[in-house]
């Protein structure tokens, strides 16, 4: 348990996330997907496999974005 959990009475809900938390989730999602797409495009141009590696990069970016958002949401559950 951390200090925040100990200071709250056991029946009180955790505070809701603010706008900054949602902005952080959106930015981290955009960065993850963007990096996956850029990496996929770069690898496609290097190995001449278009669009296979772009699709792999997009899938990995989406997966990473989902894991990141879930980890951030779990802080408020």
C-alpha atoms as a PDB file:
ATOM      1  CA  UNK A   1       0.000   0.000   0.000  1.00  0.00           C
ATOM      2  CA  UNK A   2       1.186   3.486  -0.680  1.00  0.00           C
ATOM      3  CA  UNK A   3       0.696   6.591   1.449  1.00  0.00           C
ATOM      4  CA  UNK A   4      -2.282   7.818  -0.585  1.00  0.00           C
ATOM      5  CA  UNK A   5      -4.178   4.567   0.081  1.00  0.00           C
ATOM      6  CA  UNK A   6      -3.461   4.747   3.807  1.00  0.00           C
ATOM      7  CA  UNK A   7      -4.721   8.342   4.141  1.00  0.00           C
ATOM      8  CA  UNK A   8      -8.126   7.500   2.612  1.00  0.00           C
ATOM      9  CA  UNK A   9     -10.781   5.774   4.678  1.00  0.00           C
ATOM     10  CA  UNK A  10     -11.408   2.270   3.350  1.00  0.00           C
ATOM     11  CA  UNK A  11     -14.866   2.997   1.885  1.00  0.00           C
ATOM     12  CA  UNK A  12     -14.020   6.194  -0.026  1.00  0.00           C
ATOM     13  CA  UNK A  13     -13.491   5.922  -3.794  1.00  0.00           C
ATOM     14  CA  UNK A  14     -10.261   7.057  -5.416  1.00  0.00           C
ATOM     15  CA  UNK A  15     -10.308  10.540  -6.942  1.00  0.00           C
ATOM     16  CA  UNK A  16     -11.226  10.745 -10.611  1.00  0.00           C
ATOM     17  CA  UNK A  17      -8.535  11.626 -13.150  1.00  0.00           C
ATOM     18  CA  UNK A  18      -8.380  15.185 -14.396  1.00  0.00           C
ATOM     19  CA  UNK A  19      -7.956  16.576 -17.878  1.00  0.00           C
ATOM     20  CA  UNK A  20      -4.169  16.228 -17.652  1.00  0.00           C
ATOM     21  CA  UNK A  21      -4.472  12.464 -17.142  1.00  0.00           C
ATOM     22  CA  UNK A  22      -6.655  12.110 -20.242  1.00  0.00           C
ATOM     23  CA  UNK A  23      -4.320  14.347 -22.229  1.00  0.00           C
ATOM     24  CA  UNK A  24      -1.415  12.139 -21.155  1.00  0.00           C
ATOM     25  CA  UNK A  25      -3.265   9.036 -22.294  1.00  0.00           C
ATOM     26  CA  UNK A  26      -4.001  10.591 -25.677  1.00  0.00           C
ATOM     27  CA  UNK A  27      -0.444  11.802 -26.183  1.00  0.00           C
ATOM     28  CA  UNK A  28       1.076   8.465 -25.191  1.00  0.00           C
ATOM     29  CA  UNK A  29      -1.319   6.654 -27.560  1.00  0.00           C
ATOM     30  CA  UNK A  30      -0.477   8.976 -30.437  1.00  0.00           C
ATOM     31  CA  UNK A  31       3.260   8.607 -29.828  1.00  0.00           C
ATOM     32  CA  UNK A  32       3.068   4.803 -29.665  1.00  0.00           C
ATOM     33  CA  UNK A  33       1.042   4.500 -32.872  1.00  0.00           C
ATOM     34  CA  UNK A  34       3.092   7.169 -34.634  1.00  0.00           C
ATOM     35  CA  UNK A  35       6.401   5.517 -33.772  1.00  0.00           C
ATOM     36  CA  UNK A  36       5.083   2.140 -34.929  1.00  0.00           C
ATOM     37  CA  UNK A  37       3.979   3.575 -38.274  1.00  0.00           C
ATOM     38  CA  UNK A  38       7.203   5.524 -38.827  1.00  0.00           C
ATOM     39  CA  UNK A  39       9.327   2.512 -37.931  1.00  0.00           C
ATOM     40  CA  UNK A  40       7.242   0.303 -40.247  1.00  0.00           C
ATOM     41  CA  UNK A  41       7.572   2.763 -43.129  1.00  0.00           C
ATOM     42  CA  UNK A  42      11.318   3.070 -42.605  1.00  0.00           C
ATOM     43  CA  UNK A  43      11.788  -0.701 -42.520  1.00  0.00           C
ATOM     44  CA  UNK A  44       9.595  -1.093 -45.616  1.00  0.00           C
ATOM     45  CA  UNK A  45      11.754   1.378 -47.524  1.00  0.00           C
ATOM     46  CA  UNK A  46      14.929  -0.342 -46.336  1.00  0.00           C
ATOM     47  CA  UNK A  47      13.855  -3.926 -47.159  1.00  0.00           C
ATOM     48  CA  UNK A  48      11.370  -3.167 -50.009  1.00  0.00           C
ATOM     49  CA  UNK A  49       8.552  -5.107 -48.350  1.00  0.00           C
ATOM     50  CA  UNK A  50       5.763  -2.506 -48.538  1.00  0.00           C
ATOM     51  CA  UNK A  51       3.224  -2.587 -46.915  1.00  0.00           C
ATOM     52  CA  UNK A  52       3.987  -5.651 -44.754  1.00  0.00           C
ATOM     53  CA  UNK A  53       6.237  -4.004 -42.183  1.00  0.00           C
ATOM     54  CA  UNK A  54       4.019  -0.922 -42.074  1.00  0.00           C
ATOM     55  CA  UNK A  55       1.147  -3.149 -40.981  1.00  0.00           C
ATOM     56  CA  UNK A  56       3.355  -4.903 -38.417  1.00  0.00           C
ATOM     57  CA  UNK A  57       4.512  -1.531 -37.066  1.00  0.00           C
ATOM     58  CA  UNK A  58       0.928  -0.275 -36.907  1.00  0.00           C
ATOM     59  CA  UNK A  59      -0.207  -3.405 -35.044  1.00  0.00           C
ATOM     60  CA  UNK A  60       2.675  -3.155 -32.575  1.00  0.00           C
ATOM     61  CA  UNK A  61       1.985   0.556 -32.076  1.00  0.00           C
ATOM     62  CA  UNK A  62      -1.684  -0.093 -31.376  1.00  0.00           C
ATOM     63  CA  UNK A  63      -0.843  -2.897 -28.963  1.00  0.00           C
ATOM     64  CA  UNK A  64       1.693  -0.729 -27.147  1.00  0.00           C
ATOM     65  CA  UNK A  65      -0.803   2.159 -26.973  1.00  0.00           C
ATOM     66  CA  UNK A  66      -3.478  -0.115 -25.491  1.00  0.00           C
ATOM     67  CA  UNK A  67      -1.091  -1.498 -22.868  1.00  0.00           C
ATOM     68  CA  UNK A  68       0.025   2.035 -21.987  1.00  0.00           C
ATOM     69  CA  UNK A  69      -3.522   3.350 -21.586  1.00  0.00           C
ATOM     70  CA  UNK A  70      -4.572   0.330 -19.527  1.00  0.00           C
ATOM     71  CA  UNK A  71      -1.600   0.849 -17.209  1.00  0.00           C
ATOM     72  CA  UNK A  72      -2.530   4.504 -16.778  1.00  0.00           C
ATOM     73  CA  UNK A  73      -6.217   3.716 -16.151  1.00  0.00           C
ATOM     74  CA  UNK A  74      -5.358   1.103 -13.512  1.00  0.00           C
ATOM     75  CA  UNK A  75      -4.042   3.914 -11.307  1.00  0.00           C
ATOM     76  CA  UNK A  76      -7.613   5.151 -10.873  1.00  0.00           C
ATOM     77  CA  UNK A  77      -9.328   1.811 -10.267  1.00  0.00           C
END
